[in-house]
Amino acid sequence: MTTILDPTSERTVAARPRLARPASLDGLRVGLFDIGKSKGDIFLDRLEQRLTERGLDVKRYAKPTNTRPAPTPLLQQVATEVDVVIEALSD
């Protein structure tokens, strides 16, 4: 069993089952989410290039600041516009 810690200030832990990974990205809309960490955009630029070369539909998103959680409206937009999300982390 894997325990994932939520860095927000939630007082009670919400049980969220993991979704199954798709067998393939073919035909899916891929979201690339930049959380504002240093060099994350470089990683996502290269990833976007590789995914579009494969003919995939890619859409980019970015948090307004890396010091706060993404705003709910942005998360809702991402959830309605793409099928899978790749988030850029670094450090």
Protein backbone atom coordinates (compact mmCIF):
# COMPACT_ATOMS: atom_id res chain seq x y z
CA MET A 1 0.00 0.00 0.00
CA THR A 2 1.23 3.47 -0.90
CA THR A 3 0.63 6.43 1.40
CA ILE A 4 0.51 9.83 -0.30
CA LEU A 5 0.83 12.87 1.93
CA ASP A 6 -1.17 15.97 1.01
CA PRO A 7 0.89 19.13 1.66
CA THR A 8 -2.24 21.25 2.16
CA SER A 9 -3.61 22.01 5.59
CA GLU A 10 -6.42 19.47 5.44
CA ARG A 11 -7.32 18.26 8.92
CA THR A 12 -8.89 15.01 7.75
CA VAL A 13 -7.43 12.78 5.10
CA ALA A 14 -9.66 12.22 2.11
CA ALA A 15 -9.41 8.71 0.69
CA ARG A 16 -8.81 9.02 -3.02
CA PRO A 17 -8.27 5.81 -4.97
CA ARG A 18 -5.73 5.97 -7.74
CA LEU A 19 -7.09 5.95 -11.25
CA ALA A 20 -5.78 3.32 -13.60
CA ARG A 21 -3.21 4.57 -16.08
CA PRO A 22 -4.29 4.41 -19.70
CA ALA A 23 -2.68 1.66 -21.76
CA SER A 24 -1.83 4.27 -24.40
CA LEU A 25 -2.05 8.02 -24.90
CA ASP A 26 -3.33 7.56 -28.45
CA GLY A 27 -6.56 9.48 -28.95
CA LEU A 28 -6.37 11.15 -25.53
CA ARG A 29 -6.06 14.87 -24.82
CA VAL A 30 -2.92 15.43 -22.74
CA GLY A 31 -2.61 18.33 -20.31
CA LEU A 32 0.82 19.60 -19.27
CA PHE A 33 0.63 21.37 -15.91
CA ASP A 34 3.41 23.75 -14.89
CA ILE A 35 3.42 24.32 -11.13
CA GLY A 36 6.01 27.09 -11.40
CA LYS A 37 9.11 25.30 -10.16
CA SER A 38 12.47 26.21 -11.63
CA LYS A 39 13.12 24.53 -14.99
CA GLY A 40 9.74 22.79 -15.00
CA ASP A 41 8.83 24.76 -18.11
CA ILE A 42 11.92 23.44 -19.91
CA PHE A 43 10.88 19.88 -19.14
CA LEU A 44 7.32 20.55 -20.33
CA ASP A 45 8.51 22.30 -23.52
CA ARG A 46 10.49 19.21 -24.49
CA LEU A 47 7.70 16.87 -23.50
CA GLU A 48 5.17 18.89 -25.52
CA GLN A 49 7.46 18.68 -28.55
CA ARG A 50 7.76 14.90 -28.23
CA LEU A 51 4.02 14.37 -27.70
CA THR A 52 2.98 16.59 -30.61
CA GLU A 53 5.49 14.76 -32.84
CA ARG A 54 3.47 11.63 -32.03
CA GLY A 55 0.33 13.46 -33.16
CA LEU A 56 -1.16 13.88 -29.69
CA ASP A 57 -3.42 16.77 -28.72
CA VAL A 58 -1.55 18.72 -26.01
CA LYS A 59 -2.81 21.64 -23.92
CA ARG A 60 -0.68 23.67 -21.47
CA TYR A 61 -1.69 24.96 -18.04
CA ALA A 62 0.20 26.86 -15.35
CA LYS A 63 -0.42 27.81 -11.75
CA PRO A 64 -0.41 31.58 -11.21
CA THR A 65 2.19 31.16 -8.43
CA ASN A 66 4.25 28.26 -7.11
CA THR A 67 3.68 29.29 -3.50
CA ARG A 68 -0.02 28.42 -3.34
CA PRO A 69 -2.21 25.52 -4.46
CA ALA A 70 -3.74 25.85 -7.91
CA PRO A 71 -7.03 27.74 -7.83
CA THR A 72 -10.14 25.56 -7.99
CA PRO A 73 -11.40 27.14 -11.25
CA LEU A 74 -8.10 26.23 -12.95
CA LEU A 75 -8.29 22.64 -11.69
CA GLN A 76 -11.89 22.41 -12.90
CA GLN A 77 -10.85 23.73 -16.32
CA VAL A 78 -8.09 21.14 -16.59
CA ALA A 79 -10.46 18.35 -15.53
CA THR A 80 -12.96 19.24 -18.24
CA GLU A 81 -10.53 19.90 -21.09
CA VAL A 82 -8.09 16.97 -21.02
CA ASP A 83 -8.08 13.22 -20.39
CA VAL A 84 -4.70 12.89 -18.65
CA VAL A 85 -2.33 15.37 -16.96
CA ILE A 86 1.43 15.39 -16.66
CA GLU A 87 2.68 17.72 -13.94
CA ALA A 88 6.17 19.21 -13.99
CA LEU A 89 7.99 18.80 -10.71
CA SER A 90 11.59 19.71 -10.02
CA ASP A 91 14.06 20.56 -7.24
